[in-house]
N, C-alpha and C. Protein backbone atom coordinates (compact mmCIF):
# COMPACT_ATOMS: atom_id res chain seq x y z
N MET A 1 48.35 57.29 -0.73
CA MET A 1 47.85 56.16 0.51
C MET A 1 47.96 54.95 0.29
N ARG A 2 47.58 54.22 2.09
CA ARG A 2 48.78 52.96 2.18
C ARG A 2 47.74 51.80 1.41
N GLN A 3 47.72 50.56 0.92
CA GLN A 3 47.12 49.89 0.30
C GLN A 3 46.45 48.87 1.78
N HIS A 4 45.47 48.04 2.28
CA HIS A 4 45.59 47.17 2.78
C HIS A 4 45.83 46.20 2.47
N VAL A 5 45.84 45.21 3.25
CA VAL A 5 45.74 43.79 2.50
C VAL A 5 44.96 42.84 4.11
N ASN A 6 44.05 41.81 2.87
CA ASN A 6 43.56 40.64 3.64
C ASN A 6 43.70 39.78 4.10
N PRO A 7 44.66 39.96 5.86
CA PRO A 7 45.42 38.29 6.12
C PRO A 7 44.79 37.21 5.31
N LEU A 8 43.68 37.41 5.20
CA LEU A 8 43.07 35.82 5.17
C LEU A 8 42.95 35.61 3.95
N SER A 9 43.19 35.86 3.02
CA SER A 9 43.07 35.78 1.62
C SER A 9 43.46 34.31 1.49
N SER A 10 43.06 33.23 0.93
CA SER A 10 43.98 32.29 0.18
C SER A 10 45.40 32.45 -0.31
N ASN A 11 45.47 33.84 -0.81
CA ASN A 11 47.03 33.67 -1.08
C ASN A 11 47.85 34.05 0.09
N PHE A 12 48.05 33.89 1.25
CA PHE A 12 48.61 33.79 1.76
C PHE A 12 48.63 32.83 2.50
N SER A 13 48.11 31.34 2.22
CA SER A 13 48.40 30.49 3.12
C SER A 13 48.82 29.51 2.44
N GLN A 14 49.74 29.90 1.15
CA GLN A 14 51.04 28.66 0.83
C GLN A 14 52.07 29.44 1.46
N ILE A 15 52.85 29.21 2.25
CA ILE A 15 54.04 29.36 3.04
C ILE A 15 55.27 29.21 1.98
N GLN A 16 56.26 29.96 1.76
CA GLN A 16 57.62 29.76 0.80
C GLN A 16 57.90 29.43 1.72
N ARG A 17 59.41 28.74 1.10
CA ARG A 17 60.39 28.03 2.08
C ARG A 17 61.24 28.90 2.93
N ILE A 18 60.89 28.56 4.12
CA ILE A 18 62.16 29.68 4.73
C ILE A 18 63.48 29.89 5.01
N PRO A 19 64.02 30.33 4.71
CA PRO A 19 65.93 30.01 5.03
C PRO A 19 65.90 29.66 6.44
N SER A 20 66.85 28.82 6.37
CA SER A 20 67.69 28.89 7.88
C SER A 20 68.54 30.39 8.32
N LEU A 21 69.02 30.47 9.50
CA LEU A 21 69.30 31.69 9.93
C LEU A 21 70.87 32.01 8.67
N ARG A 22 71.66 30.95 8.81
CA ARG A 22 72.61 30.90 8.20
C ARG A 22 72.68 31.23 6.76
N GLU A 23 71.48 30.75 6.20
CA GLU A 23 71.27 31.23 4.70
C GLU A 23 70.98 33.34 4.45
N MET A 24 70.32 33.31 5.56
CA MET A 24 69.64 34.99 5.32
C MET A 24 70.46 35.55 6.03
N PHE A 25 71.62 35.91 7.04
CA PHE A 25 72.51 36.02 7.20
C PHE A 25 74.06 35.87 7.45
N GLY A 26 73.99 34.59 7.27
CA GLY A 26 75.86 33.87 7.00
C GLY A 26 75.95 33.80 8.52
N GLU A 27 76.17 34.52 9.13
CA GLU A 27 76.41 34.84 10.49
C GLU A 27 75.60 34.58 11.74
N SER A 28 74.50 33.22 11.92
CA SER A 28 73.54 32.36 12.89
C SER A 28 73.75 33.07 14.04
N LYS A 29 75.04 33.10 14.70
CA LYS A 29 75.11 33.21 16.61
C LYS A 29 74.80 34.67 16.86
N SER A 30 74.57 35.96 15.85
CA SER A 30 74.28 37.02 16.27
C SER A 30 72.55 37.16 17.00
N ASN A 31 72.85 38.20 17.53
CA ASN A 31 71.36 38.07 18.20
C ASN A 31 70.28 38.60 17.03
N LEU A 32 68.31 37.84 17.53
CA LEU A 32 67.99 38.02 16.25
C LEU A 32 66.78 39.33 16.57
N HIS A 33 66.39 39.97 15.70
CA HIS A 33 65.05 41.22 16.40
C HIS A 33 64.42 40.72 15.21
N LEU A 34 63.52 40.69 15.52
CA LEU A 34 61.80 40.69 14.70
C LEU A 34 61.58 41.57 14.41
N ASP A 35 61.00 42.18 13.21
CA ASP A 35 59.70 43.67 12.79
C ASP A 35 58.63 42.44 12.69
N ILE A 36 57.50 42.53 12.65
CA ILE A 36 56.18 42.62 11.74
C ILE A 36 55.57 43.39 11.63
N GLY A 37 55.28 43.14 9.98
CA GLY A 37 54.34 44.46 9.72
C GLY A 37 55.85 45.89 9.12
N CYS A 38 56.75 45.25 8.48
CA CYS A 38 57.94 46.17 8.47
C CYS A 38 57.73 47.45 7.51
N ALA A 39 56.82 46.65 6.20
CA ALA A 39 56.41 47.68 5.42
C ALA A 39 57.49 48.01 4.50
N ASP A 40 58.23 49.11 4.05
CA ASP A 40 59.40 49.27 3.04
C ASP A 40 60.86 48.93 3.84
N GLY A 41 60.69 48.77 5.12
CA GLY A 41 61.97 48.35 6.16
C GLY A 41 62.56 49.65 6.58
N GLU A 42 62.82 50.50 6.46
CA GLU A 42 63.37 52.06 6.75
C GLU A 42 63.54 51.57 8.09
N PHE A 43 62.46 51.12 9.11
CA PHE A 43 63.09 51.14 10.77
C PHE A 43 63.86 49.85 10.94
N LEU A 44 63.87 49.07 9.57
CA LEU A 44 65.10 47.46 10.35
C LEU A 44 66.52 48.23 9.45
N PHE A 45 66.56 49.11 8.21
CA PHE A 45 67.73 49.82 7.57
C PHE A 45 67.87 50.23 8.58
N ASP A 46 67.72 50.99 9.46
CA ASP A 46 68.11 52.05 10.65
C ASP A 46 69.08 51.09 11.42
N LEU A 47 68.35 50.44 12.41
CA LEU A 47 68.94 49.58 13.09
C LEU A 47 70.09 48.49 12.52
N ALA A 48 70.15 48.19 11.80
CA ALA A 48 70.82 47.23 11.04
C ALA A 48 72.52 47.78 10.21
N LEU A 49 71.92 49.28 10.38
CA LEU A 49 73.32 50.05 9.84
C LEU A 49 74.12 50.55 11.24
N VAL A 50 73.38 50.94 12.00
CA VAL A 50 74.03 51.13 13.59
C VAL A 50 74.22 50.26 14.21
N ASN A 51 73.41 49.00 14.46
CA ASN A 51 73.73 47.57 15.25
C ASN A 51 74.24 46.64 14.46
N THR A 52 75.45 46.59 13.81
CA THR A 52 75.84 45.34 12.94
C THR A 52 75.96 44.12 13.27
N SER A 53 76.20 44.41 15.08
CA SER A 53 76.44 43.41 15.93
C SER A 53 75.00 42.10 15.71
N TRP A 54 73.84 42.80 15.27
CA TRP A 54 72.65 42.21 15.77
C TRP A 54 72.34 41.71 13.82
N ASN A 55 71.17 40.71 14.38
CA ASN A 55 70.49 40.27 12.74
C ASN A 55 69.19 41.07 13.04
N TYR A 56 68.64 41.39 11.63
CA TYR A 56 67.35 41.87 12.01
C TYR A 56 66.45 41.54 10.99
N LEU A 57 65.27 41.02 10.92
CA LEU A 57 64.46 40.03 10.12
C LEU A 57 63.12 40.71 10.28
N GLY A 58 63.19 41.40 9.14
CA GLY A 58 61.13 42.01 8.51
C GLY A 58 60.04 40.63 7.86
N ILE A 59 59.47 40.66 8.27
CA ILE A 59 58.20 40.07 7.77
C ILE A 59 57.02 41.16 7.44
N GLU A 60 56.67 41.13 6.02
CA GLU A 60 55.66 42.18 5.72
C GLU A 60 54.52 41.45 4.79
N ILE A 61 53.73 41.88 4.75
CA ILE A 61 52.79 40.99 3.63
C ILE A 61 51.84 41.51 2.34
N ARG A 62 52.63 42.36 2.34
CA ARG A 62 52.45 43.42 1.00
C ARG A 62 53.99 43.15 0.40
N GLU A 63 53.75 41.71 -0.88
CA GLU A 63 54.64 42.07 -1.74
C GLU A 63 55.68 42.84 -2.09
N LYS A 64 55.16 43.69 -2.24
CA LYS A 64 55.99 44.91 -3.65
C LYS A 64 56.76 45.43 -2.79
N LEU A 65 56.24 45.67 -1.45
CA LEU A 65 57.24 46.27 -0.32
C LEU A 65 58.60 45.63 0.09
N VAL A 66 58.25 44.21 -0.23
CA VAL A 66 59.62 43.18 0.42
C VAL A 66 60.18 43.60 -0.56
N LYS A 67 60.03 42.88 -2.29
CA LYS A 67 61.02 43.27 -2.82
C LYS A 67 61.50 43.88 -3.07
N LYS A 68 61.18 45.92 -2.81
CA LYS A 68 61.95 47.05 -2.52
C LYS A 68 63.08 46.82 -1.37
N ALA A 69 62.36 45.94 -0.50
CA ALA A 69 63.71 46.38 0.23
C ALA A 69 64.71 45.21 0.50
N LYS A 70 64.25 44.15 -0.43
CA LYS A 70 65.48 43.37 -0.70
C LYS A 70 66.35 43.89 -1.66
N LEU A 71 66.01 44.50 -2.86
CA LEU A 71 66.49 45.40 -3.70
C LEU A 71 67.51 46.11 -3.07
N LYS A 72 66.71 46.66 -2.45
CA LYS A 72 67.75 47.98 -1.24
C LYS A 72 68.53 46.93 -0.31
N VAL A 73 67.87 46.20 0.08
CA VAL A 73 69.72 45.25 0.89
C VAL A 73 70.82 44.85 0.49
N LEU A 74 70.47 44.35 -1.04
CA LEU A 74 71.66 43.91 -1.82
C LEU A 74 72.55 45.12 -2.72
N GLU A 75 71.83 46.37 -2.75
CA GLU A 75 72.23 47.40 -3.88
C GLU A 75 73.45 47.95 -2.29
N ARG A 76 73.03 47.91 -0.61
CA ARG A 76 74.01 48.69 0.30
C ARG A 76 74.67 47.39 0.79
N GLU A 77 74.36 46.83 0.25
CA GLU A 77 75.22 45.38 0.64
C GLU A 77 75.03 44.44 2.19
N ILE A 78 74.32 44.93 2.72
CA ILE A 78 73.35 45.08 4.40
C ILE A 78 73.83 43.18 4.35
N LYS A 79 74.42 42.89 5.04
CA LYS A 79 74.59 41.45 5.34
C LYS A 79 73.39 40.99 6.89
N ASN A 80 73.62 41.98 7.54
CA ASN A 80 72.70 41.70 8.68
C ASN A 80 71.45 42.36 8.93
N LEU A 81 70.25 41.96 7.36
CA LEU A 81 69.21 42.83 7.37
C LEU A 81 68.29 41.32 6.21
N TYR A 82 67.16 40.47 6.70
CA TYR A 82 66.63 39.72 5.69
C TYR A 82 64.94 40.19 6.22
N PHE A 83 64.43 40.01 4.91
CA PHE A 83 62.74 40.19 5.03
C PHE A 83 61.95 38.77 4.44
N LEU A 84 61.33 38.90 4.51
CA LEU A 84 60.27 38.09 4.41
C LEU A 84 58.77 37.94 3.88
N PHE A 85 58.25 37.40 2.87
CA PHE A 85 56.94 38.13 2.47
C PHE A 85 55.83 36.83 3.08
N GLY A 86 54.92 37.30 3.48
CA GLY A 86 54.28 36.64 4.09
C GLY A 86 53.08 37.21 5.47
N ASN A 87 51.80 36.20 5.71
CA ASN A 87 51.54 36.57 6.99
C ASN A 87 51.92 36.11 7.77
N ALA A 88 52.34 37.11 8.06
CA ALA A 88 53.53 36.72 9.80
C ALA A 88 52.84 35.78 10.40
N ASN A 89 51.30 35.82 11.06
CA ASN A 89 50.56 34.49 12.14
C ASN A 89 50.94 33.25 11.09
N ASN A 90 50.70 33.26 9.64
CA ASN A 90 50.74 31.98 9.05
C ASN A 90 52.63 31.60 8.97
N ILE A 91 53.58 32.35 8.51
CA ILE A 91 54.77 31.86 8.44
C ILE A 91 55.08 31.70 10.16
N LEU A 92 54.95 32.35 11.13
CA LEU A 92 55.58 31.78 13.12
C LEU A 92 55.17 30.77 13.11
N ASN A 93 53.36 30.52 12.35
CA ASN A 93 52.86 29.16 13.24
C ASN A 93 53.11 28.47 12.33
N ASP A 94 54.28 28.09 10.83
CA ASP A 94 54.38 26.96 10.37
C ASP A 94 55.82 26.88 11.03
N PHE A 95 55.57 25.35 11.19
CA PHE A 95 56.84 24.74 11.98
C PHE A 95 58.00 24.37 11.39
N GLN A 96 57.97 25.03 9.91
CA GLN A 96 59.93 25.18 9.31
C GLN A 96 60.20 26.27 10.16
N SER A 97 59.21 27.54 10.97
CA SER A 97 60.35 28.12 11.37
C SER A 97 59.87 28.78 12.84
N LYS A 98 59.54 27.93 13.25
CA LYS A 98 60.24 27.81 14.67
C LYS A 98 61.25 27.95 15.40
N PHE A 99 62.36 27.51 14.76
CA PHE A 99 63.58 28.63 14.52
C PHE A 99 63.60 29.88 15.09
N ILE A 100 63.12 30.75 14.26
CA ILE A 100 62.66 32.22 14.57
C ILE A 100 62.36 32.61 15.79
N ILE A 101 60.89 31.90 16.23
CA ILE A 101 61.02 32.17 17.95
C ILE A 101 62.02 31.51 18.64
N LYS A 102 62.38 30.52 18.12
CA LYS A 102 63.39 29.75 19.39
C LYS A 102 64.93 31.00 19.31
N ASN A 103 65.46 31.30 18.65
CA ASN A 103 66.35 32.93 18.45
C ASN A 103 66.05 34.25 18.45
N LEU A 104 64.51 34.20 19.05
CA LEU A 104 64.65 35.80 19.13
C LEU A 104 65.56 36.60 20.20
N LYS A 105 65.57 37.65 20.53
CA LYS A 105 66.26 38.47 20.85
C LYS A 105 65.16 39.85 21.52
N SER A 106 64.48 40.35 20.10
CA SER A 106 63.71 41.01 20.47
C SER A 106 62.76 41.32 19.42
N LEU A 107 61.42 42.13 19.64
CA LEU A 107 60.62 42.19 18.76
C LEU A 107 60.26 43.38 18.32
N SER A 108 59.08 44.08 17.58
CA SER A 108 59.04 45.28 17.38
C SER A 108 57.39 44.87 16.54
N PHE A 109 56.73 45.89 16.29
CA PHE A 109 55.39 45.84 15.37
C PHE A 109 55.43 47.56 15.37
N ASN A 110 55.44 47.53 14.57
CA ASN A 110 55.32 49.23 14.32
C ASN A 110 54.24 49.88 13.39
N PHE A 111 52.99 50.49 14.29
CA PHE A 111 52.14 50.71 13.76
C PHE A 111 51.23 49.56 12.94
N PRO A 112 50.62 48.56 13.49
CA PRO A 112 49.73 47.70 12.61
C PRO A 112 48.50 47.91 12.25
N ASP A 113 48.23 47.35 11.54
CA ASP A 113 46.81 47.85 10.77
C ASP A 113 45.67 47.42 11.97
N PRO A 114 44.50 48.31 12.12
CA PRO A 114 44.09 48.30 13.84
C PRO A 114 43.04 47.28 13.59
N TRP A 115 42.38 47.36 12.38
CA TRP A 115 41.20 46.56 12.20
C TRP A 115 40.17 46.44 13.62
N PHE A 116 39.32 48.17 13.25
CA PHE A 116 38.81 48.19 15.27
C PHE A 116 37.72 47.56 14.81
N LYS A 117 36.48 46.64 13.96
CA LYS A 117 35.71 46.14 13.78
C LYS A 117 35.47 44.97 14.48
N LYS A 118 35.03 44.72 15.44
CA LYS A 118 35.01 43.03 16.16
C LYS A 118 34.96 42.23 15.04
N ARG A 119 34.46 42.08 14.32
CA ARG A 119 33.95 40.44 13.28
C ARG A 119 35.66 40.62 12.59
N HIS A 120 36.39 41.71 12.88
CA HIS A 120 37.69 42.09 11.83
C HIS A 120 38.57 41.47 12.39
N TYR A 121 38.61 41.25 14.19
CA TYR A 121 39.81 41.05 14.92
C TYR A 121 40.41 39.86 14.88
N LYS A 122 39.68 39.18 13.67
CA LYS A 122 40.46 38.40 13.58
C LYS A 122 41.99 37.94 12.20
N ARG A 123 41.85 39.92 11.87
CA ARG A 123 42.71 39.70 10.64
C ARG A 123 43.65 40.87 11.15
N ARG A 124 43.77 40.86 12.66
CA ARG A 124 44.49 41.45 13.50
C ARG A 124 45.84 40.83 13.32
N VAL A 125 47.29 41.41 12.82
CA VAL A 125 48.72 41.01 13.56
C VAL A 125 48.86 40.46 14.42
N ILE A 126 48.59 41.29 15.85
CA ILE A 126 48.76 40.52 16.85
C ILE A 126 47.70 40.36 17.27
N GLN A 127 48.29 38.42 17.37
CA GLN A 127 47.29 37.71 17.90
C GLN A 127 47.48 37.04 19.58
N PRO A 128 47.02 37.17 20.34
CA PRO A 128 47.19 36.58 21.71
C PRO A 128 47.94 35.09 21.65
N GLU A 129 47.50 33.98 20.73
CA GLU A 129 48.04 32.78 20.52
C GLU A 129 49.48 33.28 20.32
N PHE A 130 50.09 34.15 19.47
CA PHE A 130 51.42 34.42 18.98
C PHE A 130 52.37 35.46 20.04
N ILE A 131 51.67 35.67 20.88
CA ILE A 131 52.28 36.37 22.43
C ILE A 131 52.41 35.51 23.28
N ASN A 132 51.09 34.70 23.52
CA ASN A 132 51.60 33.53 24.37
C ASN A 132 52.53 32.94 24.28
N ARG A 133 52.88 32.37 22.77
CA ARG A 133 54.06 31.62 22.22
C ARG A 133 55.13 32.51 22.39
N TYR A 134 55.26 33.56 22.11
CA TYR A 134 56.97 34.19 21.98
C TYR A 134 57.07 34.19 23.67
N LYS A 135 56.00 34.58 24.33
CA LYS A 135 56.16 34.73 25.77
C LYS A 135 56.55 33.87 26.53
N GLU A 136 56.47 32.40 25.89
CA GLU A 136 56.85 31.00 26.48
C GLU A 136 58.04 30.79 26.09
N SER A 137 58.78 30.91 25.15
CA SER A 137 59.85 30.42 24.07
C SER A 137 61.00 31.39 25.28
N GLN A 138 60.44 32.95 25.70
CA GLN A 138 61.26 33.51 26.38
C GLN A 138 61.74 32.75 27.51
N GLN A 139 60.51 32.19 28.52
CA GLN A 139 60.60 31.90 29.74
C GLN A 139 61.38 30.67 29.49
N LYS A 140 60.98 30.04 28.89
CA LYS A 140 61.87 28.23 28.53
C LYS A 140 63.40 28.42 28.59
N GLU A 141 63.51 29.81 27.94
CA GLU A 141 65.59 30.03 27.93
C GLU A 141 65.73 30.59 28.78
N GLY A 142 64.99 30.82 30.09
CA GLY A 142 65.53 31.39 31.73
C GLY A 142 66.64 32.73 31.44
N GLU A 143 67.22 32.86 32.86
CA GLU A 143 67.81 33.71 32.47
C GLU A 143 68.15 34.36 31.51
N ASN A 144 69.04 33.79 30.44
CA ASN A 144 69.80 34.52 29.63
C ASN A 144 68.84 35.48 28.81
N LYS A 145 67.41 35.25 28.98
CA LYS A 145 66.58 36.10 28.07
C LYS A 145 66.16 37.47 28.76
N LYS A 146 66.32 37.69 30.10
CA LYS A 146 65.65 38.56 30.92
C LYS A 146 66.07 39.94 29.95
N ASN A 147 66.80 40.56 29.39
CA ASN A 147 66.39 41.82 29.09
C ASN A 147 66.07 41.80 28.05
N ASN A 148 64.91 40.66 27.10
CA ASN A 148 65.08 40.71 26.01
C ASN A 148 63.85 41.95 25.94
N LYS A 149 63.04 42.30 24.69
CA LYS A 149 62.79 43.50 24.27
C LYS A 149 61.43 43.42 23.48
N PHE A 150 60.50 43.79 23.90
CA PHE A 150 59.14 44.02 22.99
C PHE A 150 58.93 45.08 22.60
N ILE A 151 58.48 46.00 21.97
CA ILE A 151 58.59 47.29 21.41
C ILE A 151 57.46 47.06 20.54
N SER A 152 56.17 47.96 20.28
CA SER A 152 55.13 48.01 20.09
C SER A 152 54.72 49.84 20.23
N ARG A 153 54.51 49.79 18.94
CA ARG A 153 54.08 51.53 18.42
C ARG A 153 52.65 51.07 17.99
N ILE A 154 51.86 51.15 18.46
CA ILE A 154 50.39 51.82 17.90
C ILE A 154 50.19 52.86 17.57
C-alpha cells in the first residue's frame, strides 16, 4: 500500500540546493521533460532509455523513493535522468529553480494524489498557480514552444 504524505508539512518547507542543468545532466542544451510526483521513476526510466536526446527530471515528495531512483540511475549509468526530493510546488516556486520552468519542453503528472475533500484541495500537487506560471513561461517563448506537451494521467 502506498503511503500518503502531507505536502504542507514543515518537513518540506526547507528546499535543498537545486543543481544547475549542467550539474544534473552534463548536457544542458537538450530538451527537458519534468515529471511531478514521479514515485520510483519507472515512467522516467523508460523515457530516458528510449529518448537519449532528452533530459528527464523527476520530483517526488517521498524521500525513500527518490533515494532508490537515484541509486538506480547510478547503477545503470543513465546520464539524462535526475531526481529531486521535496514538495514540487515549493521547489518550483523557489527562486533558485526558475531555470527549470524556463527550460521545460514537456511536463507530466502521473496519477497524482487526489485529495478529494474540499478542505484538502490546497494539498494537491496540481495547483492553478503552477499551471498558470507554466502556461505563461511557454507563451513568453513564442513559436519555438508550439509543440510542447502536457501529459496528465489521473
